[in-house]
Amino acid sequence: MDEENTLKAFVLRSYGSPDVLDLTDIDKPVPGDGEVLVRVRATSVQPYDWHHMRGEPYVARLMGGLGLRRPRISILGADMAGQVEAVGRNVTGFRPGDEVFALLKQGGFAEYVCVGQDELAPKPRNLSYEQAAAVPMAAVTALLGLRDEGRIQPGQRVLVNGASGGVGTFAVQLARAFGAKVTGVCGPRNVDLVRSIGADEVIDYAKEDFTRNGQRYDLLLDVAGGRSASACRRALTPRGTYVIVGGPGGRWLRPVGHMLSAFAASPFVSQRTARADAVGCAEKKRNLMTLTELIEAGKVTPVIDRGYPFEEIRTAVRYQEEGHSPGKVVITLAERRSAHGPATDGITPV
């Protein structure tokens, strides 16, 4: 095949384990009039990817979120950081060589991807490509959950359930940046990590049940989903807000069932119930630029567990599926260095 007009990508043709991700050559995309062709330098792995890969929960296939018989998305990867390769004729504000990052619906598990100019933002200057690729979906989800859905205010008491994961580590830092007093819930291995990123208090769920300790919070961001919605409401003030991000995966219904049960009861309780959805948000570029301001000001820093080379995406997905990763799992493509230092900065070697 003509190397100038092809690229390597992990293509998803059927549902299954990480083994179904097929590393193959495909045609290089051509940007439309309002699109930017980006050479992907780094991406990341998250639950969004393996839910689409496995086609689970099955109820999501019936609801239209996933393809009924085969994957609706052929190339996974919602996070991307890279360099502009070419621009469409109506694109303004970007030119070849620019360092950018984006929150995608698909396409990050490839060497090149076309992105609409309104979904693309300049990469934070103080981050490597790998660090920037850890930001989009997790940080935007946390931002929407706290600011938009949670309506966070300075001085409020905020609890982040699942504070050591990708979304949780950003949520703890963002809540602090918004002037809240933050309590993080995590496992015993990550107590020190969550405290180090700014949590005022840390609850080890192996020792203490936050829904029964008598504490009340103005806002509860539920990333882990390990407690029922009714139990979580016990930890809220009478007019508090319960924001659902996700929950433990399941073959048939979870985490969709967890969300449905929470909203089914919401008309009968005094607390608000909401859900944060980064993929469906309309202002991706604006949200990324808000995050960039906070990152460049030193108020938010991505937490990276480990990194893998592009060829080992299957192994990275398998590891992330285990659900024990503190922070993010990132993938490096092509060259190992960015203009701002080694690509391995902040990454634990595999």
Protein backbone atom coordinates (compact mmCIF):
# COMPACT_ATOMS: atom_id res chain seq x y z
CA MET A 1 0.00 0.00 0.00
CA ASP A 2 1.05 3.62 -0.59
CA GLU A 3 2.51 4.76 2.74
CA GLU A 4 1.89 8.42 1.92
CA ASN A 5 -1.86 7.84 1.67
CA THR A 6 -2.38 5.21 4.36
CA LEU A 7 -2.15 5.05 8.12
CA LYS A 8 -2.19 2.43 10.84
CA ALA A 9 -5.23 2.13 13.06
CA PHE A 10 -6.81 -0.31 15.47
CA VAL A 11 -10.10 -1.15 13.75
CA LEU A 12 -13.11 -2.57 15.60
CA ARG A 13 -15.26 -4.78 13.35
CA SER A 14 -17.05 -6.94 15.93
CA TYR A 15 -17.73 -6.92 19.65
CA GLY A 16 -15.45 -8.80 22.01
CA SER A 17 -12.29 -8.71 24.11
CA PRO A 18 -9.30 -6.46 23.31
CA ASP A 19 -8.18 -9.16 20.89
CA VAL A 20 -10.82 -7.97 18.39
CA LEU A 21 -8.92 -4.69 17.92
CA ASP A 22 -7.25 -5.21 14.54
CA LEU A 23 -4.07 -3.23 13.81
CA THR A 24 -4.25 -2.62 10.08
CA ASP A 25 -3.60 -0.13 7.29
CA ILE A 26 -6.45 2.13 6.18
CA ASP A 27 -6.73 5.16 3.89
CA LYS A 28 -5.56 8.45 5.35
CA PRO A 29 -8.56 10.78 5.73
CA VAL A 30 -8.80 14.04 3.79
CA PRO A 31 -10.04 17.04 5.80
CA GLY A 32 -13.27 18.66 4.71
CA ASP A 33 -13.64 22.41 4.30
CA GLY A 34 -14.11 23.00 8.04
CA GLU A 35 -11.89 20.17 9.28
CA VAL A 36 -8.33 19.78 10.46
CA LEU A 37 -6.19 16.70 9.78
CA VAL A 38 -4.18 15.93 12.92
CA ARG A 39 -1.23 13.61 13.29
CA VAL A 40 -2.04 11.83 16.55
CA ARG A 41 0.89 11.86 18.96
CA ALA A 42 -0.90 10.47 22.01
CA THR A 43 -4.28 9.12 23.07
CA SER A 44 -5.70 7.50 26.21
CA VAL A 45 -7.85 4.56 27.25
CA GLN A 46 -11.02 4.79 29.32
CA PRO A 47 -14.30 2.95 30.07
CA TYR A 48 -15.94 4.62 27.07
CA ASP A 49 -13.62 2.59 24.83
CA TRP A 50 -14.15 -0.82 26.31
CA HIS A 51 -17.93 -0.38 26.64
CA HIS A 52 -18.02 0.19 22.87
CA MET A 53 -15.51 -2.60 22.26
CA ARG A 54 -17.55 -5.19 24.18
CA GLY A 55 -20.96 -3.82 23.24
CA GLU A 56 -21.97 -3.75 26.90
CA PRO A 57 -24.27 -3.24 28.61
CA TYR A 58 -26.57 -4.96 26.15
CA VAL A 59 -29.40 -2.57 26.99
CA ALA A 60 -27.31 0.23 25.42
CA ARG A 61 -27.56 -1.60 22.08
CA LEU A 62 -31.35 -1.52 22.30
CA MET A 63 -31.31 2.15 23.32
CA GLY A 64 -29.21 3.12 20.29
CA GLY A 65 -26.03 4.08 22.10
CA LEU A 66 -24.22 1.11 20.59
CA GLY A 67 -24.74 -0.76 17.33
CA LEU A 68 -27.28 -3.56 17.73
CA ARG A 69 -25.32 -6.35 16.01
CA ARG A 70 -21.97 -4.75 15.28
CA PRO A 71 -20.04 -1.74 16.58
CA ARG A 72 -21.30 1.68 15.56
CA ILE A 73 -17.77 3.02 16.10
CA SER A 74 -15.02 1.46 14.00
CA ILE A 75 -11.99 3.24 15.49
CA LEU A 76 -12.07 3.85 19.24
CA GLY A 77 -10.20 6.56 21.12
CA ALA A 78 -12.02 9.66 22.41
CA ASP A 79 -8.93 11.53 23.61
CA MET A 80 -6.33 12.94 21.24
CA ALA A 81 -3.29 15.19 21.34
CA GLY A 82 -1.16 15.84 18.29
CA GLN A 83 0.07 18.15 15.54
CA VAL A 84 -1.90 19.74 12.74
CA GLU A 85 -0.96 18.12 9.43
CA ALA A 86 -3.33 19.94 7.07
CA VAL A 87 -6.39 22.20 7.20
CA GLY A 88 -9.54 22.56 5.14
CA ARG A 89 -10.03 25.70 3.06
CA ASN A 90 -12.51 27.27 5.52
CA VAL A 91 -10.40 26.66 8.63
CA THR A 92 -9.12 29.69 10.50
CA GLY A 93 -7.01 29.73 13.64
CA PHE A 94 -5.04 26.56 12.94
CA ARG A 95 -2.11 25.86 10.63
CA PRO A 96 0.23 22.90 10.03
CA GLY A 97 2.56 22.24 12.94
CA ASP A 98 0.21 23.59 15.64
CA GLU A 99 0.01 21.46 18.79
CA VAL A 100 -3.62 20.64 19.59
CA PHE A 101 -5.88 18.37 21.61
CA ALA A 102 -9.52 17.32 21.31
CA LEU A 103 -12.40 15.31 22.72
CA LEU A 104 -13.62 13.00 19.94
CA LYS A 105 -16.49 10.60 19.46
CA GLN A 106 -14.04 8.22 17.77
CA GLY A 107 -10.74 8.01 15.94
CA GLY A 108 -7.98 8.39 18.55
CA PHE A 109 -6.66 4.85 18.07
CA ALA A 110 -5.12 5.81 14.73
CA GLU A 111 -2.10 7.67 13.42
CA TYR A 112 -4.21 10.46 11.89
CA VAL A 113 -7.72 11.79 12.49
CA CYS A 114 -9.88 14.55 11.01
CA VAL A 115 -11.41 16.91 13.57
CA GLY A 116 -13.88 19.76 13.12
CA GLN A 117 -12.19 23.08 13.85
CA ASP A 118 -14.86 23.90 16.46
CA GLU A 119 -13.93 20.77 18.43
CA LEU A 120 -10.20 21.39 18.45
CA ALA A 121 -8.20 23.49 20.94
CA PRO A 122 -4.54 24.48 21.33
CA LYS A 123 -2.70 22.05 23.58
CA PRO A 124 -1.77 23.40 27.05
CA ARG A 125 1.76 24.76 26.70
CA ASN A 126 3.02 23.19 29.91
CA LEU A 127 1.92 19.63 29.06
CA SER A 128 3.53 16.93 26.95
CA TYR A 129 1.39 15.22 24.33
CA GLU A 130 0.80 12.30 26.68
CA GLN A 131 -0.27 14.54 29.51
CA ALA A 132 -2.57 16.49 27.20
CA ALA A 133 -4.13 13.26 25.90
CA ALA A 134 -5.07 12.38 29.48
CA VAL A 135 -7.23 15.48 29.77
CA PRO A 136 -10.20 15.72 27.34
CA MET A 137 -12.90 13.20 28.26
CA ALA A 138 -12.09 12.78 31.95
CA ALA A 139 -11.54 16.47 32.69
CA VAL A 140 -14.49 17.70 30.61
CA THR A 141 -16.72 15.15 32.35
CA ALA A 142 -15.56 16.41 35.75
CA LEU A 143 -16.00 20.03 34.66
CA LEU A 144 -19.55 19.47 33.41
CA GLY A 145 -20.46 17.44 36.47
CA LEU A 146 -19.29 20.08 38.93
CA ARG A 147 -19.86 23.40 37.15
CA ASP A 148 -22.81 22.79 34.81
CA GLU A 149 -24.82 19.98 36.40
CA GLY A 150 -23.66 20.37 39.99
CA ARG A 151 -23.77 24.19 39.96
CA ILE A 152 -20.83 24.25 42.35
CA GLN A 153 -20.34 27.34 44.54
CA PRO A 154 -17.37 28.51 46.64
CA GLY A 155 -17.54 27.25 50.20
CA GLN A 156 -19.73 24.25 49.44
CA ARG A 157 -18.93 20.79 50.73
CA VAL A 158 -18.33 18.46 47.79
CA LEU A 159 -17.81 14.69 47.85
CA VAL A 160 -16.21 12.84 44.93
CA ASN A 161 -16.97 9.12 45.05
CA GLY A 162 -14.27 7.44 42.95
CA ALA A 163 -11.69 10.16 43.52
CA SER A 164 -8.63 8.24 42.33
CA GLY A 165 -9.73 7.42 38.78
CA GLY A 166 -9.46 9.47 35.61
CA VAL A 167 -12.56 11.61 36.19
CA GLY A 168 -12.13 11.63 39.95
CA THR A 169 -8.60 13.01 40.01
CA PHE A 170 -9.69 15.93 37.84
CA ALA A 171 -12.86 16.44 39.89
CA VAL A 172 -10.95 16.78 43.15
CA GLN A 173 -8.66 19.42 41.65
CA LEU A 174 -11.45 21.30 39.89
CA ALA A 175 -13.63 21.41 43.00
CA ARG A 176 -10.72 22.93 44.91
CA ALA A 177 -10.13 25.42 42.10
CA PHE A 178 -13.81 26.45 42.35
CA GLY A 179 -13.36 27.16 46.07
CA ALA A 180 -15.14 24.13 47.52
CA LYS A 181 -14.12 21.95 50.46
CA VAL A 182 -13.49 18.53 48.93
CA THR A 183 -13.82 15.02 50.33
CA GLY A 184 -12.55 12.18 48.16
CA VAL A 185 -13.61 8.53 48.45
CA CYS A 186 -11.18 5.90 47.20
CA GLY A 187 -9.55 2.57 48.02
CA PRO A 188 -6.73 2.15 50.56
CA ARG A 189 -3.97 2.13 47.93
CA ASN A 190 -4.85 5.61 46.70
CA VAL A 191 -5.52 7.56 49.89
CA ASP A 192 -2.19 9.38 49.73
CA LEU A 193 -2.65 10.17 46.02
CA VAL A 194 -6.07 11.74 46.54
CA ARG A 195 -4.80 13.79 49.45
CA SER A 196 -1.80 14.95 47.40
CA ILE A 197 -4.00 16.42 44.64
CA GLY A 198 -5.92 18.63 47.04
CA ALA A 199 -8.64 16.71 48.88
CA ASP A 200 -9.33 18.26 52.28
CA GLU A 201 -10.52 14.89 53.57
CA VAL A 202 -10.11 11.36 52.21
CA ILE A 203 -12.40 8.43 53.01
CA ASP A 204 -11.07 4.91 52.55
CA TYR A 205 -14.15 2.97 51.45
CA ALA A 206 -12.66 -0.23 52.89
CA LYS A 207 -12.84 1.32 56.37
CA GLU A 208 -15.77 3.73 56.23
CA ASP A 209 -19.13 3.99 54.45
CA PHE A 210 -19.59 7.62 53.43
CA THR A 211 -23.37 7.10 53.19
CA ARG A 212 -23.60 6.18 56.89
CA ASN A 213 -21.03 8.32 58.68
CA GLY A 214 -23.39 11.22 59.37
CA GLN A 215 -21.61 13.73 57.11
CA ARG A 216 -23.69 15.80 54.67
CA TYR A 217 -22.56 17.38 51.42
CA ASP A 218 -23.96 20.02 49.10
CA LEU A 219 -22.81 18.17 45.99
CA LEU A 220 -21.96 14.52 45.42
CA LEU A 221 -20.22 13.58 42.18
CA ASP A 222 -20.65 9.82 41.84
CA VAL A 223 -17.99 8.40 39.54
CA ALA A 224 -17.61 4.95 41.11
CA GLY A 225 -21.30 4.06 41.43
CA GLY A 226 -20.59 1.57 44.18
CA ARG A 227 -23.52 2.70 46.33
CA SER A 228 -27.19 2.92 45.38
CA ALA A 229 -28.69 6.30 44.59
CA SER A 230 -30.87 6.13 47.68
CA ALA A 231 -27.82 5.49 49.85
CA CYS A 232 -25.93 8.38 48.25
CA ARG A 233 -28.80 10.74 48.97
CA ARG A 234 -28.33 10.05 52.67
CA ALA A 235 -24.98 11.83 52.34
CA LEU A 236 -26.57 14.94 50.82
CA THR A 237 -28.11 18.00 52.42
CA PRO A 238 -31.88 18.30 51.88
CA ARG A 239 -31.30 20.53 48.84
CA GLY A 240 -28.08 18.92 47.71
CA THR A 241 -27.26 17.74 44.20
CA TYR A 242 -26.44 14.19 43.14
CA VAL A 243 -24.50 14.03 39.85
CA ILE A 244 -23.98 10.63 38.22
CA VAL A 245 -20.97 10.02 36.01
CA GLY A 246 -20.81 6.25 35.74
CA GLY A 247 -20.64 3.08 37.73
CA PRO A 248 -19.44 -0.52 37.64
CA GLY A 249 -19.93 -2.12 34.25
CA GLY A 250 -22.16 -5.09 33.63
CA ARG A 251 -23.10 -7.34 30.73
CA TRP A 252 -26.82 -6.61 30.66
CA LEU A 253 -27.83 -3.41 32.44
CA ARG A 254 -25.14 -1.74 34.55
CA PRO A 255 -24.24 1.12 34.68
CA VAL A 256 -27.38 2.19 32.77
CA GLY A 257 -29.61 0.62 35.42
CA HIS A 258 -27.90 2.62 38.16
CA MET A 259 -28.66 5.86 36.31
CA LEU A 260 -32.24 4.90 35.47
CA SER A 261 -33.06 4.03 39.08
CA ALA A 262 -31.61 7.33 40.29
CA PHE A 263 -33.70 9.40 37.89
CA ALA A 264 -36.83 7.31 38.52
CA ALA A 265 -36.81 8.34 42.17
CA SER A 266 -35.81 11.98 41.63
CA PRO A 267 -39.41 13.38 41.44
CA PHE A 268 -40.04 12.08 44.95
CA VAL A 269 -37.00 13.51 46.76
CA SER A 270 -35.87 17.04 47.58
CA GLN A 271 -32.36 16.67 46.14
CA ARG A 272 -31.55 17.33 42.48
CA THR A 273 -30.33 14.47 40.28
CA ALA A 274 -28.24 15.09 37.16
CA ARG A 275 -25.87 13.32 34.81
CA ALA A 276 -22.63 14.52 33.21
CA ASP A 277 -22.07 13.60 29.55
CA ALA A 278 -18.84 14.84 27.97
CA VAL A 279 -19.24 13.12 24.60
CA GLY A 280 -22.61 14.73 23.94
CA CYS A 281 -21.70 18.24 25.10
CA ALA A 282 -21.98 21.02 22.52
CA GLU A 283 -19.17 23.29 23.71
CA LYS A 284 -16.17 20.99 23.57
CA LYS A 285 -13.68 23.62 22.42
CA ARG A 286 -14.81 26.15 25.03
CA ASN A 287 -14.58 23.57 27.79
CA LEU A 288 -11.11 22.49 26.68
CA MET A 289 -9.96 26.10 26.70
CA THR A 290 -11.36 26.58 30.21
CA LEU A 291 -9.37 23.57 31.32
CA THR A 292 -6.27 24.87 29.56
CA GLU A 293 -6.46 28.10 31.60
CA LEU A 294 -6.62 26.11 34.83
CA ILE A 295 -3.82 23.77 33.75
CA GLU A 296 -1.49 26.57 32.66
CA ALA A 297 -2.24 28.38 35.95
CA GLY A 298 -1.06 25.30 37.85
CA LYS A 299 -4.46 24.58 39.41
CA VAL A 300 -5.07 21.29 37.59
CA THR A 301 -2.58 18.59 36.59
CA PRO A 302 -3.38 15.26 34.89
CA VAL A 303 -2.56 12.18 36.94
CA ILE A 304 -1.10 9.40 34.79
CA ASP A 305 -0.82 5.83 36.01
CA ARG A 306 1.20 4.35 33.16
CA GLY A 307 1.88 4.58 29.46
CA TYR A 308 2.01 2.10 26.57
CA PRO A 309 3.29 2.32 22.98
CA PHE A 310 0.68 2.39 20.22
CA GLU A 311 1.27 -1.23 19.26
CA GLU A 312 0.23 -2.34 22.78
CA ILE A 313 -3.21 -0.73 22.85
CA ARG A 314 -4.82 -4.13 23.41
CA THR A 315 -2.74 -4.60 26.57
CA ALA A 316 -3.58 -1.06 27.72
CA VAL A 317 -7.31 -1.63 27.26
CA ARG A 318 -7.11 -4.93 29.11
CA TYR A 319 -5.34 -3.21 32.01
CA GLN A 320 -7.80 -0.31 32.14
CA GLU A 321 -10.75 -2.74 32.11
CA GLU A 322 -9.58 -4.09 35.47
CA GLY A 323 -10.77 -0.83 37.02
CA HIS A 324 -7.89 -0.27 39.44
CA SER A 325 -5.93 2.38 37.55
CA PRO A 326 -5.22 5.55 39.54
CA GLY A 327 -5.53 8.41 37.09
CA LYS A 328 -5.19 7.79 33.37
CA VAL A 329 -3.66 5.21 31.04
CA VAL A 330 -2.07 6.86 28.00
CA ILE A 331 -0.78 5.71 24.62
CA THR A 332 2.22 7.13 22.72
CA LEU A 333 2.36 7.18 18.92
CA ALA A 334 5.37 7.70 16.69
CA GLU A 335 8.11 9.95 18.07
CA ARG A 336 8.81 9.78 21.77
CA ARG A 337 9.47 13.46 22.29
CA SER A 338 7.32 16.59 22.08
CA ALA A 339 8.47 20.16 21.76
CA HIS A 340 8.17 20.50 25.52
CA GLY A 341 10.22 17.53 26.70
CA PRO A 342 10.24 13.76 26.83
CA ALA A 343 6.99 12.00 26.08
CA THR A 344 7.57 9.81 29.08
CA ASP A 345 7.37 12.72 31.55
CA GLY A 346 5.09 11.72 34.40
CA ILE A 347 4.55 8.20 33.08
CA THR A 348 5.43 5.05 34.92
CA PRO A 349 7.35 2.73 32.57
CA VAL A 350 5.55 -0.51 31.78
